[in-house]
Amino acid sequence: MTNHIRFVLSLTIVISWTTFGQGQYAEITPQGISTHNRKVETSYDQAKKITTVRLNPMQVYGEPLSSSHYIGGDEASLSASFTFSGRTLKVQPKRVLLTLTSTSQDWKYTDYRKLTALVDGKRLNLGPMEHLPLFKVHATANVNSDDYISQGIAISLPYKRFLQIANGKKVQMRVGPREFKLDRNHLEALRDLATLMLP
């Protein structure tokens, strides 16, 4: 197992632990970012002594699963996060985890998961996204929709590469069979997350 895959899996486990479980071990504190309606969450894992700063998922294509208009179509959201030791950031983190969560009626990201970005006309080959160790098959409440599958894929990006994307004016991303645009609100949210990486 490469160091890259180990990092993605380790960060995924930390995020899952702090987000979904063990209330006596995790303390979650929302931090407001004025232009993005409190979309950044900070959590501290007392057992591991690790803080996770996570940008809540942003819809990048399709109709959101929570929408009453969702009828089983293809949709996905993007989030970003970083971790550091202790409760106070003292050293700038070197990497950012980008996570894409897809919901559809079939597997969208099984084999080909290479992520590329076109940032202000410059192509960035970012590498393959790795499957997260969790997926869900849901029965929908909408009688017009079939069951759907949620799956997550993630990639660990160096800080400078992340900044290239966040500071772009026109950003198109492509992974597997899908291409999507990051709009102004997406990019502002990524920039806001980047500012929280400065000690």
N, C-alpha and C. Protein backbone atom coordinates (compact mmCIF):
# COMPACT_ATOMS: atom_id res chain seq x y z
N MET A 1 0.85 -1.19 0.00
CA MET A 1 0.00 0.00 0.00
C MET A 1 0.89 1.25 0.00
N THR A 2 0.63 2.17 -0.92
CA THR A 2 1.47 3.35 -1.03
C THR A 2 1.15 4.33 0.10
N ASN A 3 2.10 5.27 0.30
CA ASN A 3 1.88 6.29 1.33
C ASN A 3 0.66 7.13 1.02
N HIS A 4 0.43 7.39 -0.28
CA HIS A 4 -0.74 8.20 -0.68
C HIS A 4 -2.04 7.52 -0.25
N ILE A 5 -2.17 6.23 -0.53
CA ILE A 5 -3.39 5.50 -0.17
C ILE A 5 -3.52 5.43 1.34
N ARG A 6 -2.40 5.19 2.05
CA ARG A 6 -2.44 5.17 3.51
C ARG A 6 -2.96 6.49 4.07
N PHE A 7 -2.48 7.62 3.49
CA PHE A 7 -2.90 8.93 3.96
C PHE A 7 -4.40 9.12 3.76
N VAL A 8 -4.90 8.77 2.56
CA VAL A 8 -6.33 8.93 2.26
C VAL A 8 -7.16 8.10 3.23
N LEU A 9 -6.79 6.84 3.43
CA LEU A 9 -7.56 5.97 4.32
C LEU A 9 -7.49 6.46 5.76
N SER A 10 -6.31 6.89 6.20
CA SER A 10 -6.17 7.37 7.59
C SER A 10 -7.03 8.60 7.82
N LEU A 11 -6.97 9.56 6.87
CA LEU A 11 -7.75 10.78 7.03
C LEU A 11 -9.23 10.49 6.96
N THR A 12 -9.62 9.54 6.11
CA THR A 12 -11.03 9.15 6.01
C THR A 12 -11.53 8.58 7.32
N ILE A 13 -10.72 7.72 7.93
CA ILE A 13 -11.11 7.11 9.21
C ILE A 13 -11.25 8.18 10.28
N VAL A 14 -10.29 9.13 10.32
CA VAL A 14 -10.36 10.21 11.31
C VAL A 14 -11.61 11.04 11.10
N ILE A 15 -11.90 11.39 9.85
CA ILE A 15 -13.09 12.21 9.56
C ILE A 15 -14.35 11.46 9.91
N SER A 16 -14.42 10.18 9.54
CA SER A 16 -15.60 9.38 9.86
C SER A 16 -15.78 9.28 11.37
N TRP A 17 -14.70 9.06 12.10
CA TRP A 17 -14.75 8.94 13.56
C TRP A 17 -15.28 10.22 14.19
N THR A 18 -14.73 11.35 13.75
CA THR A 18 -15.11 12.61 14.38
C THR A 18 -16.48 13.09 13.93
N THR A 19 -16.89 12.72 12.71
CA THR A 19 -18.17 13.20 12.20
C THR A 19 -19.33 12.36 12.67
N PHE A 20 -19.16 11.03 12.67
CA PHE A 20 -20.30 10.16 12.90
C PHE A 20 -20.36 9.52 14.27
N GLY A 21 -19.31 9.60 15.03
CA GLY A 21 -19.44 8.77 16.20
C GLY A 21 -18.76 9.25 17.44
N GLN A 22 -19.00 8.45 18.47
CA GLN A 22 -18.30 8.54 19.73
C GLN A 22 -18.36 9.94 20.32
N GLY A 23 -19.58 10.35 20.69
CA GLY A 23 -19.79 11.68 21.23
C GLY A 23 -18.88 12.00 22.40
N GLN A 24 -18.54 11.00 23.24
CA GLN A 24 -17.69 11.30 24.38
C GLN A 24 -16.25 11.55 23.98
N TYR A 25 -15.89 11.20 22.73
CA TYR A 25 -14.52 11.39 22.29
C TYR A 25 -14.37 12.56 21.32
N ALA A 26 -15.44 12.96 20.68
CA ALA A 26 -15.34 14.00 19.67
C ALA A 26 -16.14 15.21 20.09
N GLU A 27 -15.56 16.34 19.89
CA GLU A 27 -16.21 17.60 20.23
C GLU A 27 -16.31 18.40 18.95
N ILE A 28 -17.52 18.68 18.49
CA ILE A 28 -17.71 19.34 17.20
C ILE A 28 -18.15 20.78 17.42
N THR A 29 -17.41 21.69 16.79
CA THR A 29 -17.69 23.11 16.95
C THR A 29 -17.84 23.76 15.58
N PRO A 30 -19.04 24.18 15.18
CA PRO A 30 -19.18 24.86 13.90
C PRO A 30 -18.44 26.19 13.94
N GLN A 31 -17.78 26.53 12.84
CA GLN A 31 -17.12 27.83 12.73
C GLN A 31 -17.75 28.57 11.58
N GLY A 32 -18.30 29.73 11.84
CA GLY A 32 -19.00 30.45 10.78
C GLY A 32 -18.06 31.11 9.79
N ILE A 33 -18.36 30.94 8.53
CA ILE A 33 -17.71 31.70 7.48
C ILE A 33 -18.83 32.51 6.87
N SER A 34 -18.75 33.81 7.01
CA SER A 34 -19.89 34.66 6.75
C SER A 34 -20.49 34.49 5.37
N THR A 35 -19.67 34.31 4.34
CA THR A 35 -20.22 34.24 2.98
C THR A 35 -20.73 32.86 2.63
N HIS A 36 -20.53 31.87 3.51
CA HIS A 36 -20.93 30.52 3.14
C HIS A 36 -21.83 29.85 4.18
N ASN A 37 -22.49 30.65 4.99
CA ASN A 37 -23.51 30.13 5.90
C ASN A 37 -23.03 28.96 6.75
N ARG A 38 -21.94 29.15 7.45
CA ARG A 38 -21.44 28.16 8.42
C ARG A 38 -21.17 26.81 7.75
N LYS A 39 -20.45 26.81 6.67
CA LYS A 39 -20.18 25.58 5.95
C LYS A 39 -18.87 24.91 6.34
N VAL A 40 -18.17 25.45 7.30
CA VAL A 40 -16.94 24.83 7.77
C VAL A 40 -17.16 24.30 9.18
N GLU A 41 -16.76 23.07 9.40
CA GLU A 41 -16.93 22.42 10.70
C GLU A 41 -15.57 22.00 11.22
N THR A 42 -15.33 22.28 12.48
CA THR A 42 -14.08 21.86 13.11
C THR A 42 -14.41 20.86 14.21
N SER A 43 -13.71 19.74 14.21
CA SER A 43 -13.93 18.74 15.26
C SER A 43 -12.59 18.28 15.82
N TYR A 44 -12.60 17.93 17.09
CA TYR A 44 -11.39 17.48 17.77
C TYR A 44 -11.61 16.08 18.33
N ASP A 45 -10.71 15.18 17.98
CA ASP A 45 -10.75 13.81 18.47
C ASP A 45 -9.83 13.73 19.69
N GLN A 46 -10.43 13.62 20.88
CA GLN A 46 -9.64 13.62 22.11
C GLN A 46 -8.76 12.39 22.22
N ALA A 47 -9.22 11.26 21.70
CA ALA A 47 -8.43 10.03 21.78
C ALA A 47 -7.18 10.12 20.91
N LYS A 48 -7.33 10.63 19.70
CA LYS A 48 -6.19 10.71 18.77
C LYS A 48 -5.45 12.03 18.85
N LYS A 49 -6.07 13.02 19.55
CA LYS A 49 -5.49 14.36 19.66
C LYS A 49 -5.26 14.99 18.28
N ILE A 50 -6.29 14.86 17.44
CA ILE A 50 -6.23 15.39 16.08
C ILE A 50 -7.45 16.26 15.83
N THR A 51 -7.22 17.43 15.23
CA THR A 51 -8.30 18.32 14.83
C THR A 51 -8.53 18.16 13.33
N THR A 52 -9.79 18.07 12.95
CA THR A 52 -10.18 18.01 11.54
C THR A 52 -10.99 19.25 11.20
N VAL A 53 -10.60 19.93 10.14
CA VAL A 53 -11.34 21.09 9.64
C VAL A 53 -11.92 20.67 8.29
N ARG A 54 -13.24 20.74 8.18
CA ARG A 54 -13.92 20.17 7.01
C ARG A 54 -14.90 21.16 6.42
N LEU A 55 -14.78 21.37 5.12
CA LEU A 55 -15.75 22.16 4.38
C LEU A 55 -16.91 21.25 4.05
N ASN A 56 -18.10 21.60 4.49
CA ASN A 56 -19.26 20.75 4.26
C ASN A 56 -19.49 20.54 2.76
N PRO A 57 -20.09 19.42 2.38
CA PRO A 57 -20.28 19.11 0.97
C PRO A 57 -21.03 20.20 0.21
N MET A 58 -20.53 20.47 -1.02
CA MET A 58 -21.14 21.47 -1.91
C MET A 58 -21.62 20.73 -3.16
N GLN A 59 -22.85 20.97 -3.57
CA GLN A 59 -23.38 20.32 -4.77
C GLN A 59 -22.60 20.79 -5.99
N VAL A 60 -22.09 19.83 -6.80
CA VAL A 60 -21.34 20.22 -7.99
C VAL A 60 -22.03 19.80 -9.28
N TYR A 61 -22.92 18.82 -9.23
CA TYR A 61 -23.76 18.52 -10.37
C TYR A 61 -24.97 17.71 -9.93
N GLY A 62 -26.02 17.79 -10.74
CA GLY A 62 -27.25 17.05 -10.46
C GLY A 62 -28.13 17.72 -9.42
N GLU A 63 -29.26 17.10 -9.18
CA GLU A 63 -30.23 17.58 -8.19
C GLU A 63 -29.86 17.00 -6.83
N PRO A 64 -29.74 17.82 -5.78
CA PRO A 64 -29.36 17.29 -4.46
C PRO A 64 -30.30 16.19 -3.99
N LEU A 65 -29.73 15.22 -3.33
CA LEU A 65 -30.50 14.08 -2.81
C LEU A 65 -31.61 14.54 -1.87
N SER A 66 -31.37 15.62 -1.13
CA SER A 66 -32.35 16.13 -0.17
C SER A 66 -33.49 16.88 -0.84
N SER A 67 -33.34 17.17 -2.13
CA SER A 67 -34.36 17.94 -2.83
C SER A 67 -35.60 17.08 -3.12
N SER A 68 -36.76 17.71 -3.08
CA SER A 68 -38.00 17.00 -3.41
C SER A 68 -38.06 16.68 -4.90
N HIS A 69 -37.17 17.31 -5.69
CA HIS A 69 -37.13 17.07 -7.14
C HIS A 69 -36.23 15.89 -7.50
N TYR A 70 -35.51 15.34 -6.50
CA TYR A 70 -34.61 14.22 -6.80
C TYR A 70 -35.44 12.99 -7.15
N ILE A 71 -35.19 12.43 -8.34
CA ILE A 71 -35.93 11.23 -8.77
C ILE A 71 -34.97 10.13 -9.21
N GLY A 72 -33.82 10.05 -8.56
CA GLY A 72 -32.89 8.97 -8.86
C GLY A 72 -31.84 9.32 -9.89
N GLY A 73 -31.73 10.59 -10.23
CA GLY A 73 -30.72 10.99 -11.21
C GLY A 73 -29.32 10.93 -10.62
N ASP A 74 -28.38 11.26 -11.45
CA ASP A 74 -26.97 11.27 -11.09
C ASP A 74 -26.64 12.60 -10.43
N GLU A 75 -26.10 12.58 -9.23
CA GLU A 75 -25.73 13.82 -8.54
C GLU A 75 -24.49 13.60 -7.70
N ALA A 76 -23.78 14.68 -7.37
CA ALA A 76 -22.58 14.55 -6.54
C ALA A 76 -22.29 15.84 -5.80
N SER A 77 -21.61 15.68 -4.68
CA SER A 77 -21.16 16.84 -3.91
C SER A 77 -19.67 16.70 -3.64
N LEU A 78 -19.03 17.85 -3.46
CA LEU A 78 -17.59 17.91 -3.23
C LEU A 78 -17.33 18.52 -1.87
N SER A 79 -16.40 17.94 -1.12
CA SER A 79 -15.98 18.55 0.14
C SER A 79 -14.46 18.52 0.21
N ALA A 80 -13.93 19.28 1.14
CA ALA A 80 -12.48 19.34 1.32
C ALA A 80 -12.20 19.41 2.82
N SER A 81 -11.06 18.86 3.23
CA SER A 81 -10.72 18.85 4.66
C SER A 81 -9.22 18.74 4.85
N PHE A 82 -8.80 19.11 6.06
CA PHE A 82 -7.41 18.90 6.45
C PHE A 82 -7.37 18.61 7.94
N THR A 83 -6.27 18.04 8.40
CA THR A 83 -6.12 17.73 9.82
C THR A 83 -4.81 18.29 10.34
N PHE A 84 -4.77 18.44 11.67
CA PHE A 84 -3.51 18.81 12.32
C PHE A 84 -3.52 18.28 13.75
N SER A 85 -2.34 18.13 14.31
CA SER A 85 -2.21 17.61 15.68
C SER A 85 -2.59 18.67 16.69
N GLY A 86 -3.26 18.22 17.75
CA GLY A 86 -3.64 19.13 18.84
C GLY A 86 -4.85 19.97 18.50
N ARG A 87 -5.11 20.97 19.35
CA ARG A 87 -6.28 21.83 19.17
C ARG A 87 -5.97 23.12 18.43
N THR A 88 -4.69 23.50 18.40
CA THR A 88 -4.29 24.76 17.79
C THR A 88 -3.36 24.51 16.62
N LEU A 89 -3.66 25.14 15.50
CA LEU A 89 -2.82 25.00 14.31
C LEU A 89 -1.52 25.76 14.51
N LYS A 90 -0.41 25.03 14.50
CA LYS A 90 0.90 25.67 14.70
C LYS A 90 1.76 25.60 13.45
N VAL A 91 1.51 24.59 12.62
CA VAL A 91 2.27 24.41 11.38
C VAL A 91 1.28 24.23 10.24
N GLN A 92 1.53 24.89 9.12
CA GLN A 92 0.62 24.78 7.99
C GLN A 92 0.55 23.34 7.49
N PRO A 93 -0.66 22.78 7.37
CA PRO A 93 -0.80 21.42 6.85
C PRO A 93 -0.26 21.32 5.43
N LYS A 94 0.31 20.18 5.10
CA LYS A 94 0.93 20.00 3.78
C LYS A 94 -0.05 19.49 2.73
N ARG A 95 -1.18 18.89 3.18
CA ARG A 95 -2.09 18.26 2.23
C ARG A 95 -3.55 18.57 2.55
N VAL A 96 -4.38 18.49 1.52
CA VAL A 96 -5.82 18.69 1.64
C VAL A 96 -6.49 17.48 1.01
N LEU A 97 -7.52 16.97 1.67
CA LEU A 97 -8.28 15.84 1.14
C LEU A 97 -9.51 16.36 0.42
N LEU A 98 -9.62 16.07 -0.89
CA LEU A 98 -10.83 16.38 -1.65
C LEU A 98 -11.66 15.12 -1.73
N THR A 99 -12.94 15.22 -1.42
CA THR A 99 -13.83 14.06 -1.43
C THR A 99 -15.04 14.34 -2.31
N LEU A 100 -15.32 13.42 -3.21
CA LEU A 100 -16.51 13.50 -4.06
C LEU A 100 -17.46 12.39 -3.64
N THR A 101 -18.68 12.77 -3.29
CA THR A 101 -19.70 11.79 -2.92
C THR A 101 -20.76 11.78 -3.99
N SER A 102 -20.92 10.62 -4.63
CA SER A 102 -21.82 10.48 -5.77
C SER A 102 -23.04 9.65 -5.37
N THR A 103 -24.20 10.06 -5.86
CA THR A 103 -25.42 9.27 -5.68
C THR A 103 -26.04 9.05 -7.05
N SER A 104 -26.29 7.79 -7.37
CA SER A 104 -26.87 7.46 -8.66
C SER A 104 -27.49 6.07 -8.59
N GLN A 105 -28.06 5.64 -9.68
CA GLN A 105 -28.70 4.32 -9.71
C GLN A 105 -27.71 3.21 -10.02
N ASP A 106 -26.49 3.58 -10.38
CA ASP A 106 -25.47 2.56 -10.64
C ASP A 106 -24.11 3.09 -10.19
N TRP A 107 -23.09 2.26 -10.30
CA TRP A 107 -21.75 2.65 -9.88
C TRP A 107 -21.14 3.57 -10.94
N LYS A 108 -20.83 4.81 -10.55
CA LYS A 108 -20.26 5.76 -11.50
C LYS A 108 -18.73 5.70 -11.50
N TYR A 109 -18.14 5.38 -10.38
CA TYR A 109 -16.69 5.49 -10.26
C TYR A 109 -16.10 4.15 -9.83
N THR A 110 -16.19 3.18 -10.71
CA THR A 110 -15.66 1.86 -10.37
C THR A 110 -14.22 1.69 -10.81
N ASP A 111 -13.95 1.93 -12.07
CA ASP A 111 -12.61 1.67 -12.60
C ASP A 111 -11.81 2.94 -12.84
N TYR A 112 -12.34 3.81 -13.67
CA TYR A 112 -11.57 4.99 -14.08
C TYR A 112 -11.90 6.16 -13.17
N ARG A 113 -10.95 6.52 -12.32
CA ARG A 113 -11.20 7.59 -11.32
C ARG A 113 -10.13 8.67 -11.37
N LYS A 114 -9.46 8.81 -12.50
CA LYS A 114 -8.42 9.82 -12.62
C LYS A 114 -9.04 11.22 -12.57
N LEU A 115 -8.47 12.07 -11.73
CA LEU A 115 -8.98 13.44 -11.57
C LEU A 115 -8.09 14.41 -12.32
N THR A 116 -8.72 15.23 -13.15
CA THR A 116 -8.00 16.30 -13.84
C THR A 116 -8.76 17.60 -13.62
N ALA A 117 -8.04 18.70 -13.72
CA ALA A 117 -8.67 20.02 -13.58
C ALA A 117 -8.15 20.93 -14.67
N LEU A 118 -9.02 21.72 -15.23
CA LEU A 118 -8.64 22.76 -16.18
C LEU A 118 -8.82 24.08 -15.44
N VAL A 119 -7.69 24.68 -15.06
CA VAL A 119 -7.72 25.90 -14.25
C VAL A 119 -7.22 27.06 -15.09
N ASP A 120 -8.14 27.97 -15.43
CA ASP A 120 -7.80 29.13 -16.26
C ASP A 120 -7.03 28.70 -17.51
N GLY A 121 -7.49 27.63 -18.13
CA GLY A 121 -6.90 27.15 -19.38
C GLY A 121 -5.71 26.22 -19.21
N LYS A 122 -5.23 26.02 -17.99
CA LYS A 122 -4.09 25.13 -17.75
C LYS A 122 -4.58 23.80 -17.19
N ARG A 123 -4.15 22.71 -17.83
CA ARG A 123 -4.58 21.38 -17.42
C ARG A 123 -3.69 20.85 -16.29
N LEU A 124 -4.34 20.38 -15.21
CA LEU A 124 -3.63 19.78 -14.08
C LEU A 124 -4.03 18.31 -13.97
N ASN A 125 -3.06 17.42 -14.10
CA ASN A 125 -3.31 16.00 -13.88
C ASN A 125 -3.09 15.71 -12.40
N LEU A 126 -4.16 15.47 -11.67
CA LEU A 126 -4.09 15.38 -10.22
C LEU A 126 -3.92 13.96 -9.70
N GLY A 127 -4.20 12.97 -10.53
CA GLY A 127 -4.00 11.58 -10.12
C GLY A 127 -5.30 10.85 -9.87
N PRO A 128 -5.22 9.57 -9.50
CA PRO A 128 -6.43 8.77 -9.29
C PRO A 128 -7.06 9.04 -7.92
N MET A 129 -8.38 9.07 -7.89
CA MET A 129 -9.10 9.17 -6.63
C MET A 129 -9.31 7.76 -6.09
N GLU A 130 -9.25 7.62 -4.78
CA GLU A 130 -9.36 6.31 -4.14
C GLU A 130 -10.75 6.14 -3.55
N HIS A 131 -11.25 4.90 -3.58
CA HIS A 131 -12.55 4.62 -2.97
C HIS A 131 -12.46 4.78 -1.46
N LEU A 132 -13.45 5.43 -0.88
CA LEU A 132 -13.55 5.50 0.57
C LEU A 132 -14.12 4.18 1.07
N PRO A 133 -13.75 3.79 2.28
CA PRO A 133 -14.19 2.47 2.77
C PRO A 133 -15.63 2.44 3.26
N LEU A 134 -16.51 3.16 2.57
CA LEU A 134 -17.93 3.08 2.93
C LEU A 134 -18.77 3.46 1.72
N PHE A 135 -19.85 2.77 1.56
CA PHE A 135 -20.84 3.10 0.54
C PHE A 135 -22.19 2.66 1.08
N LYS A 136 -23.27 3.19 0.49
CA LYS A 136 -24.62 2.88 0.97
C LYS A 136 -25.54 2.62 -0.21
N VAL A 137 -26.44 1.68 -0.03
CA VAL A 137 -27.52 1.47 -0.99
C VAL A 137 -28.80 1.87 -0.27
N HIS A 138 -29.53 2.81 -0.85
CA HIS A 138 -30.71 3.38 -0.20
C HIS A 138 -31.98 3.04 -0.98
N ALA A 139 -33.04 2.86 -0.26
CA ALA A 139 -34.36 2.79 -0.89
C ALA A 139 -34.95 4.19 -0.81
N THR A 140 -35.37 4.72 -1.93
CA THR A 140 -35.88 6.08 -1.95
C THR A 140 -37.34 6.14 -1.50
N ALA A 141 -37.73 7.28 -0.94
CA ALA A 141 -39.12 7.48 -0.52
C ALA A 141 -40.00 7.87 -1.70
N ASN A 142 -39.36 8.28 -2.79
CA ASN A 142 -40.10 8.71 -3.97
C ASN A 142 -40.49 7.49 -4.80
N VAL A 143 -41.78 7.27 -5.01
CA VAL A 143 -42.23 6.07 -5.74
C VAL A 143 -41.82 6.11 -7.20
N ASN A 144 -41.46 7.28 -7.71
CA ASN A 144 -41.03 7.39 -9.11
C ASN A 144 -39.54 7.10 -9.29
N SER A 145 -38.85 6.83 -8.21
CA SER A 145 -37.40 6.64 -8.28
C SER A 145 -37.01 5.24 -7.83
N ASP A 146 -35.98 4.70 -8.47
CA ASP A 146 -35.43 3.40 -8.07
C ASP A 146 -34.53 3.58 -6.86
N ASP A 147 -34.05 2.45 -6.32
CA ASP A 147 -33.04 2.52 -5.26
C ASP A 147 -31.80 3.23 -5.81
N TYR A 148 -31.00 3.80 -4.91
CA TYR A 148 -29.82 4.51 -5.37
C TYR A 148 -28.61 4.14 -4.52
N ILE A 149 -27.45 4.40 -5.08
CA ILE A 149 -26.17 4.05 -4.44
C ILE A 149 -25.41 5.32 -4.16
N SER A 150 -24.91 5.46 -2.94
CA SER A 150 -24.01 6.56 -2.59
C SER A 150 -22.61 5.98 -2.43
N GLN A 151 -21.64 6.58 -3.10
CA GLN A 151 -20.26 6.14 -2.96
C GLN A 151 -19.36 7.37 -2.86
N GLY A 152 -18.24 7.19 -2.17
CA GLY A 152 -17.30 8.29 -2.01
C GLY A 152 -15.94 7.93 -2.57
N ILE A 153 -15.32 8.91 -3.20
CA ILE A 153 -13.94 8.77 -3.65
C ILE A 153 -13.18 10.01 -3.20
N ALA A 154 -11.89 9.86 -2.96
CA ALA A 154 -11.11 10.97 -2.41
C ALA A 154 -9.70 10.97 -2.95
N ILE A 155 -9.08 12.15 -2.89
CA ILE A 155 -7.68 12.30 -3.27
C ILE A 155 -7.01 13.28 -2.33
N SER A 156 -5.79 13.00 -1.97
CA SER A 156 -5.00 13.88 -1.13
C SER A 156 -4.13 14.76 -2.03
N LEU A 157 -4.34 16.07 -1.95
CA LEU A 157 -3.59 17.01 -2.79
C LEU A 157 -2.59 17.81 -1.97
N PRO A 158 -1.40 18.07 -2.53
CA PRO A 158 -0.48 18.98 -1.85
C PRO A 158 -1.13 20.36 -1.72
N TYR A 159 -0.79 21.08 -0.68
CA TYR A 159 -1.36 22.40 -0.40
C TYR A 159 -1.26 23.33 -1.60
N LYS A 160 -0.10 23.37 -2.27
CA LYS A 160 0.10 24.29 -3.39
C LYS A 160 -0.81 23.94 -4.56
N ARG A 161 -1.04 22.65 -4.79
CA ARG A 161 -1.91 22.21 -5.87
C ARG A 161 -3.36 22.61 -5.54
N PHE A 162 -3.74 22.43 -4.27
CA PHE A 162 -5.07 22.84 -3.83
C PHE A 162 -5.27 24.34 -4.05
N LEU A 163 -4.24 25.15 -3.72
CA LEU A 163 -4.34 26.59 -3.91
C LEU A 163 -4.50 26.97 -5.38
N GLN A 164 -3.82 26.24 -6.27
CA GLN A 164 -3.97 26.50 -7.70
C GLN A 164 -5.43 26.40 -8.11
N ILE A 165 -6.12 25.39 -7.59
CA ILE A 165 -7.53 25.20 -7.92
C ILE A 165 -8.38 26.29 -7.25
N ALA A 166 -8.17 26.49 -5.96
CA ALA A 166 -8.98 27.45 -5.20
C ALA A 166 -8.84 28.87 -5.74
N ASN A 167 -7.65 29.23 -6.21
CA ASN A 167 -7.40 30.59 -6.70
C ASN A 167 -7.75 30.78 -8.17
N GLY A 168 -8.22 29.72 -8.81
CA GLY A 168 -8.59 29.82 -10.22
C GLY A 168 -9.84 30.67 -10.42
N LYS A 169 -9.96 31.25 -11.61
CA LYS A 169 -11.15 32.02 -11.96
C LYS A 169 -12.15 31.15 -12.72
N LYS A 170 -11.63 30.29 -13.58
CA LYS A 170 -12.48 29.34 -14.30
C LYS A 170 -11.91 27.95 -14.07
N VAL A 171 -12.69 27.09 -13.40
CA VAL A 171 -12.20 25.75 -13.06
C VAL A 171 -13.20 24.70 -13.51
N GLN A 172 -12.73 23.78 -14.35
CA GLN A 172 -13.51 22.61 -14.77
C GLN A 172 -12.79 21.38 -14.22
N MET A 173 -13.53 20.46 -13.65
CA MET A 173 -12.92 19.24 -13.14
C MET A 173 -13.54 18.04 -13.85
N ARG A 174 -12.71 17.01 -14.01
CA ARG A 174 -13.21 15.78 -14.64
C ARG A 174 -12.70 14.59 -13.86
N VAL A 175 -13.64 13.68 -13.53
CA VAL A 175 -13.27 12.42 -12.89
C VAL A 175 -14.16 11.34 -13.47
N GLY A 176 -13.54 10.26 -13.93
CA GLY A 176 -14.29 9.17 -14.52
C GLY A 176 -15.17 9.67 -15.65
N PRO A 177 -16.46 9.33 -15.62
CA PRO A 177 -17.36 9.70 -16.72
C PRO A 177 -17.93 11.11 -16.59
N ARG A 178 -17.52 11.85 -15.56
CA ARG A 178 -18.17 13.12 -15.27
C ARG A 178 -17.25 14.32 -15.37
N GLU A 179 -17.80 15.42 -15.89
CA GLU A 179 -17.10 16.70 -15.90
C GLU A 179 -18.03 17.71 -15.24
N PHE A 180 -17.47 18.58 -14.40
CA PHE A 180 -18.30 19.59 -13.74
C PHE A 180 -17.48 20.86 -13.52
N LYS A 181 -18.21 21.94 -13.39
CA LYS A 181 -17.59 23.25 -13.21
C LYS A 181 -17.68 23.65 -11.74
N LEU A 182 -16.61 24.25 -11.22
CA LEU A 182 -16.67 24.86 -9.89
C LEU A 182 -17.04 26.32 -10.08
N ASP A 183 -18.19 26.72 -9.54
CA ASP A 183 -18.62 28.11 -9.72
C ASP A 183 -17.99 29.02 -8.68
N ARG A 184 -18.38 30.28 -8.72
CA ARG A 184 -17.76 31.27 -7.83
C ARG A 184 -17.93 30.91 -6.36
N ASN A 185 -19.11 30.42 -5.97
CA ASN A 185 -19.34 30.06 -4.56
C ASN A 185 -18.47 28.88 -4.13
N HIS A 186 -18.31 27.88 -5.03
CA HIS A 186 -17.43 26.76 -4.72
C HIS A 186 -16.01 27.25 -4.47
N LEU A 187 -15.51 28.10 -5.38
CA LEU A 187 -14.13 28.56 -5.28
C LEU A 187 -13.92 29.46 -4.06
N GLU A 188 -14.90 30.29 -3.74
CA GLU A 188 -14.80 31.12 -2.54
C GLU A 188 -14.73 30.26 -1.29
N ALA A 189 -15.52 29.20 -1.27
CA ALA A 189 -15.50 28.30 -0.11
C ALA A 189 -14.14 27.61 0.02
N LEU A 190 -13.58 27.17 -1.11
CA LEU A 190 -12.24 26.55 -1.07
C LEU A 190 -11.18 27.55 -0.60
N ARG A 191 -11.29 28.79 -1.04
CA ARG A 191 -10.33 29.83 -0.61
C ARG A 191 -10.47 30.09 0.89
N ASP A 192 -11.71 30.11 1.36
CA ASP A 192 -11.92 30.32 2.79
C ASP A 192 -11.29 29.18 3.60
N LEU A 193 -11.42 27.96 3.11
CA LEU A 193 -10.79 26.83 3.79
C LEU A 193 -9.28 27.00 3.79
N ALA A 194 -8.73 27.47 2.67
CA ALA A 194 -7.28 27.68 2.57
C ALA A 194 -6.78 28.69 3.60
N THR A 195 -7.57 29.73 3.88
CA THR A 195 -7.15 30.71 4.87
C THR A 195 -7.05 30.11 6.28
N LEU A 196 -7.87 29.06 6.53
CA LEU A 196 -7.83 28.42 7.84
C LEU A 196 -6.62 27.50 7.98
N MET A 197 -5.88 27.30 6.90
CA MET A 197 -4.67 26.47 6.95
C MET A 197 -3.43 27.28 7.34
N LEU A 198 -3.60 28.57 7.53
CA LEU A 198 -2.47 29.42 7.91
C LEU A 198 -2.41 29.54 9.43
N PRO A 199 -1.27 29.20 10.04
CA PRO A 199 -1.16 29.26 11.53
C PRO A 199 -1.35 30.68 12.04
